[in-house]
Protein backbone atom coordinates (compact mmCIF):
# COMPACT_ATOMS: atom_id res chain seq x y z
CA UNK A 1 89.05 78.84 122.44
CA UNK A 2 90.81 82.14 122.99
CA UNK A 3 94.27 82.88 121.77
CA UNK A 4 96.75 84.50 124.07
CA UNK A 5 98.87 87.59 123.85
CA UNK A 6 101.51 87.28 121.14
CA UNK A 7 105.12 87.69 122.01
CA UNK A 8 106.46 90.37 119.70
CA UNK A 9 109.84 89.18 118.62
CA UNK A 10 111.62 91.01 115.81
CA UNK A 11 109.71 90.53 112.60
CA UNK A 12 110.23 86.99 111.42
CA UNK A 13 110.67 85.74 107.91
CA UNK A 14 107.20 84.46 107.09
CA UNK A 15 105.91 87.94 106.29
CA UNK A 16 104.59 88.61 102.81
CA UNK A 17 106.14 91.52 100.96
CA UNK A 18 103.93 92.28 97.96
CA UNK A 19 106.49 94.55 96.33
CA UNK A 20 108.73 91.53 95.76
CA UNK A 21 106.79 89.33 93.37
CA UNK A 22 108.35 86.09 92.24
CA UNK A 23 108.64 85.34 88.54
CA UNK A 24 106.33 82.53 87.37
CA UNK A 25 109.28 80.59 86.00
CA UNK A 26 110.69 80.15 89.49
CA UNK A 27 110.29 76.71 91.00
CA UNK A 28 108.32 77.82 94.02
CA UNK A 29 105.16 79.82 93.45
CA UNK A 30 104.60 80.73 97.09
CA UNK A 31 107.55 81.41 99.33
CA UNK A 32 107.54 78.89 102.21
CA UNK A 33 109.05 81.53 104.46
CA UNK A 34 105.78 83.42 104.38
CA UNK A 35 103.49 80.44 104.15
CA UNK A 36 104.46 77.68 106.51
CA UNK A 37 103.96 77.56 110.24
CA UNK A 38 107.08 76.61 112.11
CA UNK A 39 107.43 75.12 115.55
CA UNK A 40 108.85 78.32 116.98
CA UNK A 41 106.62 81.15 115.77
CA UNK A 42 103.16 79.82 115.18
CA UNK A 43 100.93 79.14 118.18
CA UNK A 44 101.48 80.86 121.48
CA UNK A 45 99.62 78.21 123.53
CA UNK A 46 101.74 75.42 122.07
CA UNK A 47 104.89 77.49 122.49
CA UNK A 48 104.39 77.17 126.25
CA UNK A 49 104.41 73.38 125.99
CA UNK A 50 107.90 72.93 124.54
CA UNK A 51 107.04 69.71 122.69
CA UNK A 52 109.82 67.30 121.90
CA UNK A 53 110.37 66.40 118.22
CA UNK A 54 110.84 62.81 119.38
CA UNK A 55 107.37 62.89 121.00
CA UNK A 56 105.11 64.79 118.61
CA UNK A 57 101.57 65.57 119.71
CA UNK A 58 98.32 65.11 117.85
CA UNK A 59 95.79 67.98 117.90
CA UNK A 60 93.81 66.18 120.59
CA UNK A 61 96.89 65.76 122.77
CA UNK A 62 98.00 69.34 122.19
CA UNK A 63 94.54 70.63 123.06
CA UNK A 64 94.45 68.71 126.32
CA UNK A 65 97.97 69.70 127.29
CA UNK A 66 97.17 73.35 126.57
CA UNK A 67 94.13 73.14 128.85
CA UNK A 68 96.21 71.50 131.57
CA UNK A 69 98.93 74.13 131.27
CA UNK A 70 96.34 76.90 131.54
CA UNK A 71 94.87 75.33 134.68
CA UNK A 72 98.33 75.69 136.26
CA UNK A 73 98.19 79.42 135.47
CA UNK A 74 101.13 79.42 133.13
CA UNK A 75 101.79 83.11 132.38
CA UNK A 76 98.32 83.87 133.83
CA UNK A 77 96.65 82.66 130.68
CA UNK A 78 93.10 81.41 130.97
CA UNK A 79 92.12 78.80 128.39
CA UNK A 80 89.11 76.65 129.10
CA UNK A 81 87.84 73.49 127.45
CA UNK A 82 84.70 73.90 125.36
CA UNK A 83 82.51 70.81 124.74
CA UNK A 84 81.17 72.49 121.60
CA UNK A 85 84.64 72.15 120.05
CA UNK A 86 84.89 68.40 120.51
CA UNK A 87 83.44 67.32 117.16
CA UNK A 88 85.82 69.60 115.28
CA UNK A 89 88.74 68.58 117.47
CA UNK A 90 88.14 64.87 116.84
CA UNK A 91 87.81 65.48 113.09
CA UNK A 92 91.11 67.40 113.07
CA UNK A 93 92.76 64.62 115.04
CA UNK A 94 91.49 62.04 112.53
CA UNK A 95 92.82 64.14 109.65
CA UNK A 96 96.19 64.40 111.40
CA UNK A 97 96.37 60.63 111.94
CA UNK A 98 95.51 59.95 108.29
CA UNK A 99 98.22 62.32 107.14
CA UNK A 100 100.92 61.02 109.50
CA UNK A 101 100.27 57.33 108.90
CA UNK A 102 99.44 57.26 105.20
CA UNK A 103 100.00 60.75 103.75
CA UNK A 104 96.51 60.33 102.33
CA UNK A 105 93.53 62.23 103.70
CA UNK A 106 89.98 61.23 102.86
CA UNK A 107 88.42 64.67 103.25
CA UNK A 108 89.40 68.11 104.38
CA UNK A 109 87.46 70.20 106.89
CA UNK A 110 85.31 73.31 106.72
CA UNK A 111 84.82 74.73 110.22
CA UNK A 112 82.21 77.44 110.56
CA UNK A 113 80.48 79.24 113.38
CA UNK A 114 80.02 82.54 115.14
CA UNK A 115 82.94 84.74 116.15
CA UNK A 116 85.17 83.68 119.05
CA UNK A 117 84.20 79.99 118.96
CA UNK A 118 87.77 78.77 118.52
CA UNK A 119 87.82 77.96 114.80
CA UNK A 120 91.20 79.55 114.10
CA UNK A 121 92.70 78.12 117.30
CA UNK A 122 91.68 74.59 116.35
CA UNK A 123 92.89 74.88 112.77
CA UNK A 124 96.22 76.22 113.99
CA UNK A 125 96.56 73.24 116.32
CA UNK A 126 96.50 71.03 113.24
CA UNK A 127 99.05 73.20 111.41
CA UNK A 128 101.37 73.21 114.40
CA UNK A 129 101.13 69.48 115.05
CA UNK A 130 101.83 68.53 111.43
CA UNK A 131 104.79 70.91 111.25
CA UNK A 132 106.27 69.51 114.49
CA UNK A 133 106.06 65.91 113.37
CA UNK A 134 109.37 64.36 112.24
CA UNK A 135 107.68 63.02 109.11
CA UNK A 136 106.78 66.53 108.04
CA UNK A 137 108.81 67.53 105.01
CA UNK A 138 109.57 71.09 104.04
CA UNK A 139 106.59 73.10 102.76
CA UNK A 140 103.92 70.56 103.66
CA UNK A 141 101.44 73.10 105.04
CA UNK A 142 100.33 76.43 103.63
CA UNK A 143 98.47 78.47 106.24
CA UNK A 144 97.18 81.91 105.25
CA UNK A 145 94.31 84.28 105.81
CA UNK A 146 92.05 83.73 102.81
CA UNK A 147 92.15 87.36 101.68
CA UNK A 148 95.94 87.29 101.79
CA UNK A 149 95.95 84.18 99.62
CA UNK A 150 93.63 85.81 97.07
CA UNK A 151 95.82 88.91 96.96
CA UNK A 152 98.83 86.71 96.24
CA UNK A 153 96.86 84.76 93.64
CA UNK A 154 95.91 87.92 91.75
CA UNK A 155 99.53 89.03 91.73
CA UNK A 156 100.64 85.67 90.41
CA UNK A 157 98.01 85.85 87.67
CA UNK A 158 99.48 89.17 86.61
CA UNK A 159 102.93 87.59 86.51
CA UNK A 160 101.82 84.58 84.46
CA UNK A 161 99.96 86.46 81.75
CA UNK A 162 102.12 84.89 79.05
CA UNK A 163 101.23 81.32 80.04
CA UNK A 164 98.31 79.44 78.57
CA UNK A 165 95.66 78.77 81.24
CA UNK A 166 97.63 80.53 84.01
CA UNK A 167 95.13 79.61 86.75
CA UNK A 168 95.63 75.89 86.21
CA UNK A 169 99.38 76.46 86.04
CA UNK A 170 99.35 78.27 89.39
CA UNK A 171 97.16 75.60 91.02
CA UNK A 172 99.49 72.82 89.87
CA UNK A 173 102.50 74.72 91.18
CA UNK A 174 100.82 75.11 94.57
CA UNK A 175 99.99 71.40 94.58
CA UNK A 176 103.64 70.49 94.01
CA UNK A 177 104.62 72.55 97.06
CA UNK A 178 101.89 71.86 99.61
CA UNK A 179 99.83 68.86 100.66
CA UNK A 180 97.59 70.71 103.12
CA UNK A 181 96.19 74.22 102.68
CA UNK A 182 94.63 76.00 105.65
CA UNK A 183 92.57 79.12 105.02
CA UNK A 184 91.42 81.33 107.86
CA UNK A 185 88.23 83.41 107.40
CA UNK A 186 87.06 81.90 104.14
CA UNK A 187 84.67 84.50 102.73
CA UNK A 188 83.85 85.53 99.16
CA UNK A 189 82.37 88.92 98.32
CA UNK A 190 84.03 89.77 95.00
CA UNK A 191 82.77 88.44 91.67
CA UNK A 192 86.33 88.17 90.35
CA UNK A 193 87.32 85.90 93.22
CA UNK A 194 84.10 83.91 92.86
CA UNK A 195 84.82 83.16 89.21
CA UNK A 196 88.45 82.13 89.88
CA UNK A 197 87.83 79.73 92.72
CA UNK A 198 86.00 76.93 90.90
CA UNK A 199 88.85 76.21 88.47
CA UNK A 200 91.51 76.77 91.11
CA UNK A 201 89.92 74.37 93.61
CA UNK A 202 89.13 71.77 90.98
CA UNK A 203 92.80 71.54 90.03
CA UNK A 204 93.99 71.57 93.65
CA UNK A 205 91.60 68.82 94.73
CA UNK A 206 92.35 66.67 91.68
CA UNK A 207 96.04 67.05 92.53
CA UNK A 208 95.46 65.61 96.00
CA UNK A 209 95.62 68.81 98.03
CA UNK A 210 93.62 68.80 101.28
CA UNK A 211 91.76 71.94 102.33
CA UNK A 212 91.06 73.00 105.91
CA UNK A 213 89.14 76.26 106.21
CA UNK A 214 87.43 78.39 108.83
CA UNK A 215 84.47 80.65 108.15
CA UNK A 216 81.60 82.43 109.85
CA UNK A 217 79.03 81.05 107.42
CA UNK A 218 78.04 77.59 106.10
CA UNK A 219 79.22 76.45 102.69
CA UNK A 220 75.81 76.90 101.06
CA UNK A 221 75.68 80.56 102.11
CA UNK A 222 79.04 81.52 100.62
CA UNK A 223 78.69 84.44 98.18
CA UNK A 224 74.97 84.51 98.92
CA UNK A 225 73.11 87.07 96.78
CA UNK A 226 76.38 87.77 94.97
CA UNK A 227 76.50 88.99 91.39
CA UNK A 228 76.34 86.02 88.96
CA UNK A 229 76.30 83.59 91.88
CA UNK A 230 75.53 80.72 89.49
CA UNK A 231 79.18 80.90 88.43
CA UNK A 232 80.21 80.23 92.04
CA UNK A 233 77.96 77.20 92.55
CA UNK A 234 80.58 74.75 91.19
CA UNK A 235 82.92 75.94 93.97
CA UNK A 236 80.24 75.16 96.56
CA UNK A 237 79.86 71.71 95.04
CA UNK A 238 83.60 71.09 95.28
CA UNK A 239 83.71 72.19 98.91
CA UNK A 240 80.82 69.88 99.75
CA UNK A 241 82.53 66.98 97.99
CA UNK A 242 86.05 67.42 99.33
CA UNK A 243 85.50 68.77 102.86
CA UNK A 244 83.53 67.74 105.93
CA UNK A 245 81.45 70.65 107.17
CA UNK A 246 81.34 71.13 110.95
CA UNK A 247 79.39 73.80 112.78
CA UNK A 248 80.94 75.12 115.99
CA UNK A 249 77.72 76.17 117.66
CA UNK A 250 78.90 76.89 121.18
CA UNK A 251 77.34 79.70 123.18
CA UNK A 252 80.65 81.16 124.39
CA UNK A 253 82.61 83.89 122.64
CA UNK A 254 86.00 83.06 124.15
CA UNK A 255 87.48 86.45 123.28
CA UNK A 256 84.79 88.28 125.22
CA UNK A 257 84.90 85.82 128.13
CA UNK A 258 88.65 86.41 128.30
CA UNK A 259 87.97 90.13 128.47
CA UNK A 260 85.83 89.80 131.58
CA UNK A 261 87.96 87.34 133.55
CA UNK A 262 88.56 88.41 137.18
CA UNK A 263 92.35 88.45 136.83
CA UNK A 264 92.26 91.15 134.14
CA UNK A 265 94.08 94.30 135.28
CA UNK A 266 92.33 97.67 134.86
CA UNK A 267 92.71 99.20 131.44
CA UNK A 268 95.33 101.92 131.03
CA UNK A 269 94.04 105.26 129.75
CA UNK A 270 95.38 104.64 126.24
CA UNK A 271 93.06 101.64 125.86
CA UNK A 272 89.89 103.37 127.01
CA UNK A 273 87.09 103.86 124.50
CA UNK A 274 85.68 106.44 124.10
CA UNK A 275 89.22 107.79 124.23
CA UNK A 276 90.07 109.99 127.20
CA UNK A 277 93.46 110.98 125.79
CA UNK A 278 94.32 112.73 122.57
CA UNK A 279 96.24 110.54 120.08
CA UNK A 280 99.54 112.34 120.66
CA UNK A 281 99.41 111.64 124.39
CA UNK A 282 98.46 108.01 123.65
CA UNK A 283 101.43 107.66 121.33
CA UNK A 284 103.81 109.33 123.79
CA UNK A 285 102.71 107.12 126.69
CA UNK A 286 103.13 103.96 124.65
CA UNK A 287 106.47 105.10 123.26
CA UNK A 288 107.79 105.54 126.79
CA UNK A 289 107.09 101.84 127.37
CA UNK A 290 109.26 100.88 124.42
CA UNK A 291 112.07 98.40 124.96
CA UNK A 292 114.30 100.64 122.83
CA UNK A 293 114.22 104.25 123.97
CA UNK A 294 116.68 105.24 121.25
CA UNK A 295 114.59 104.13 118.27
CA UNK A 296 112.47 107.28 117.94
CA UNK A 297 112.49 108.41 114.32
CA UNK A 298 112.02 112.15 114.89
CA UNK A 299 112.97 113.43 111.42
CA UNK A 300 110.36 111.14 109.88
CA UNK A 301 107.41 112.39 111.92
CA UNK A 302 104.49 113.16 109.63
CA UNK A 303 106.20 111.58 106.65
CA UNK A 304 104.95 109.53 103.72
CA UNK A 305 105.19 105.78 103.28
CA UNK A 306 105.18 104.48 99.73
CA UNK A 307 103.26 101.19 99.69
CA UNK A 308 101.91 99.38 96.64
CA UNK A 309 102.62 102.42 94.46
CA UNK A 310 100.45 104.61 96.71
CA UNK A 311 101.32 107.13 99.42
CA UNK A 312 100.16 106.67 103.00
CA UNK A 313 100.66 109.53 105.45
CA UNK A 314 102.15 108.46 108.78
CA UNK A 315 101.91 110.80 111.76
CA UNK A 316 105.02 109.52 113.52
CA UNK A 317 106.92 106.34 114.30
CA UNK A 318 108.83 104.89 117.23
CA UNK A 319 110.71 101.73 116.31
CA UNK A 320 108.06 99.23 115.17
CA UNK A 321 105.22 101.39 116.56
CA UNK A 322 103.47 103.68 114.08
CA UNK A 323 100.64 106.19 114.28
CA UNK A 324 98.25 106.64 111.37
CA UNK A 325 95.03 108.58 111.07
CA UNK A 326 91.97 106.54 110.13
CA UNK A 327 91.50 108.59 106.97
CA UNK A 328 94.98 107.65 105.75
CA UNK A 329 94.34 103.91 106.12
CA UNK A 330 90.65 103.44 105.36
CA UNK A 331 89.43 106.29 103.21
CA UNK A 332 90.48 106.38 99.60
CA UNK A 333 91.98 103.65 97.40
CA UNK A 334 93.27 100.99 99.76
CA UNK A 335 93.35 97.21 99.44
CA UNK A 336 94.41 94.17 101.44
CA UNK A 337 97.85 94.47 99.82
CA UNK A 338 98.42 97.77 101.62
CA UNK A 339 97.59 96.18 104.96
CA UNK A 340 99.72 93.12 104.23
CA UNK A 341 102.70 95.41 103.68
CA UNK A 342 101.98 97.44 106.82
CA UNK A 343 101.78 94.23 108.86
CA UNK A 344 105.26 93.33 107.65
CA UNK A 345 106.72 96.61 108.89
CA UNK A 346 105.13 97.24 112.28
CA UNK A 347 104.29 95.36 115.49
CA UNK A 348 101.96 98.05 116.92
CA UNK A 349 99.77 100.55 115.08
CA UNK A 350 97.76 103.40 116.59
CA UNK A 351 94.77 104.38 114.43
CA UNK A 352 93.43 107.78 115.46
CA UNK A 353 90.09 109.49 114.87
CA UNK A 354 88.14 106.36 114.01
CA UNK A 355 84.67 107.70 113.14
CA UNK A 356 81.23 106.24 113.53
CA UNK A 357 80.91 103.67 110.74
CA UNK A 358 77.97 102.21 108.88
CA UNK A 359 74.68 104.05 109.03
CA UNK A 360 71.30 103.73 107.41
CA UNK A 361 71.28 101.26 104.53
CA UNK A 362 70.19 102.82 101.24
CA UNK A 363 69.86 101.60 97.67
CA UNK A 364 72.54 103.26 95.57
CA UNK A 365 72.97 101.41 92.27
CA UNK A 366 70.77 99.37 90.01
CA UNK A 367 72.84 97.00 87.89
CA UNK A 368 71.38 95.46 84.73
CA UNK A 369 74.48 93.71 83.48
CA UNK A 370 78.20 93.37 83.85
CA UNK A 371 81.22 92.95 81.64
CA UNK A 372 83.25 89.77 81.92
CA UNK A 373 86.07 89.44 79.45
CA UNK A 374 84.86 90.24 75.94
CA UNK A 375 81.25 89.22 76.40
CA UNK A 376 78.55 91.09 78.26
CA UNK A 377 76.46 89.02 80.64
CA UNK A 378 72.94 89.89 81.67
CA UNK A 379 72.07 89.87 85.34
CA UNK A 380 68.70 91.59 85.36
CA UNK A 381 67.83 94.27 87.87
CA UNK A 382 69.94 94.16 91.00
CA UNK A 383 69.89 96.75 93.74
CA UNK A 384 73.07 97.31 95.70
CA UNK A 385 72.28 98.41 99.26
CA UNK A 386 74.84 99.71 101.72
CA UNK A 387 75.37 102.53 104.18
CA UNK A 388 77.23 105.73 103.35
CA UNK A 389 80.20 104.79 105.57
CA UNK A 390 80.36 101.12 104.55
CA UNK A 391 83.29 101.61 102.15
CA UNK A 392 85.71 102.82 104.86
CA UNK A 393 84.15 100.26 107.23
CA UNK A 394 84.95 97.47 104.77
CA UNK A 395 88.57 98.63 104.61
CA UNK A 396 88.72 98.86 108.40
CA UNK A 397 87.45 95.27 108.65
CA UNK A 398 90.15 94.17 106.22
CA UNK A 399 92.78 96.11 108.18
CA UNK A 400 91.80 94.44 111.45
CA UNK A 401 91.71 90.98 109.84
CA UNK A 402 95.20 91.32 108.44
CA UNK A 403 96.72 92.77 111.59
CA UNK A 404 95.05 90.10 113.71
CA UNK A 405 96.30 87.32 111.44
CA UNK A 406 99.86 88.65 111.60
CA UNK A 407 99.68 89.37 115.38
CA UNK A 408 100.10 93.11 114.89
CA UNK A 409 98.39 95.07 117.67
CA UNK A 410 95.94 97.80 116.67
CA UNK A 411 95.26 100.47 119.26
CA UNK A 412 92.17 102.56 118.55
CA UNK A 413 91.56 106.24 119.26
CA UNK A 414 87.93 107.25 118.87
CA UNK A 415 85.22 109.32 120.51
CA UNK A 416 82.98 106.24 120.30
CA UNK A 417 82.86 103.14 122.46
CA UNK A 418 84.09 100.04 120.69
CA UNK A 419 80.66 98.39 120.75
CA UNK A 420 79.14 101.54 119.19
CA UNK A 421 81.55 101.96 116.27
CA UNK A 422 79.23 100.19 113.84
CA UNK A 423 75.63 100.57 115.06
CA UNK A 424 73.98 99.52 111.78
CA UNK A 425 74.65 98.95 108.10
CA UNK A 426 75.12 96.23 105.50
CA UNK A 427 78.29 94.94 107.22
CA UNK A 428 76.81 94.25 110.66
CA UNK A 429 77.59 90.54 110.40
CA UNK A 430 81.20 91.10 109.33
CA UNK A 431 81.80 93.77 111.96
CA UNK A 432 80.96 91.37 114.78
CA UNK A 433 84.21 89.58 113.96
CA UNK A 434 86.07 92.92 113.93
CA UNK A 435 84.71 93.83 117.36
CA UNK A 436 85.65 90.44 118.79
CA UNK A 437 89.18 90.67 117.39
CA UNK A 438 89.73 94.20 118.64
CA UNK A 439 88.72 93.02 122.11
CA UNK A 440 91.36 90.32 121.93
CA UNK A 441 93.95 92.79 120.67
CA UNK A 442 93.34 94.86 123.79
CA UNK A 443 94.41 91.83 125.82
CA UNK A 444 97.50 91.46 123.65
CA UNK A 445 98.39 95.12 124.15
CA UNK A 446 98.42 94.74 127.92
CA UNK A 447 101.11 92.05 127.73
CA UNK A 448 103.22 92.99 124.72
CA UNK A 449 106.39 95.09 124.57
CA UNK A 450 106.98 97.60 121.79
CA UNK A 451 110.29 97.00 120.07
């Protein structure tokens, strides 16, 4: 199920600002302003429906009404029903009914499948419907991209270093605030995250928290071939026990089908890939479309942003529209925290000179052991294989994921076609999601106004 072009209002309050970390003694561990979907700023399809609080909708009802609204060509949006989504939709509806009528949910859900199959759309239907129900109390639902949640978790661990068993403390605090946790793009690639999750999830599930997650891979393949994977197996066991696993195996990538619909207008020159304009001309053309012609920040052209104690060079800025070179964002020491902060500051970002990523996979490192705490653990021989440009590609994937999750539009300047940006490498699977999301962002860009 495709999403539709976001309406870029002034930045709302649910953004995460990593430079403002809450003290662990505060009552709320995670700020509900950044965590909870509200009825006004969550789902664009549902926003068209104007549901009445006195007549809340279940996910099944909201799905059907969204389809009906699309068939009437509301705002020229094309959203089609997909039979392959029905099992997941019915499971989400059952979960919603259990929560509304008893506040007790038997099992959560783990929705997985290929890119563009509607996993995020369906999960967000549940979030929206719960938050619109009159029974919903403040801070019932936490909905975050999984990498954003892990970044917040690591920051909270740093802030709770003086507390005995800080991970359990954090999990219990989360459980006091939220009854349902929804993670988009559940994926584990870091050994530190893999080790943390078992204890975190065990405490959350024992405290009655329900998990709903989306992923591109089945539960059993999470952290596959990862370093010390045996330490992650308890997490897999918990997910199998506390969630129902549903495979969305439809043949349609809704983002790509939306791209090729007959009603689509021709692409403007600034969206063409390979790029036919230089980045300055792209920026100037887009700036002229701005709703605020007086917001140009001339004196700050080619200035430095200080984010997460690191400098990021910015070429220029026009209101909430910024231009960065690829090298500034994806080469060098960058993390998801940098992209989280950028997403809180801008609605549109032009990334220029995006190079060819990936390449021939080679074996670079042979690891015989690793340090964990004060004890060394033996892992035996392990070859790490990746392409020479996979490090910046991994950061680019993270950048796209964060901007997509926060409805920030990325506009790409490159001498390569979008489908050729990552021809081969160790991240081919992950980059399929990036390609699909960039395609959808192009649709957003055609309908959005720069503030």
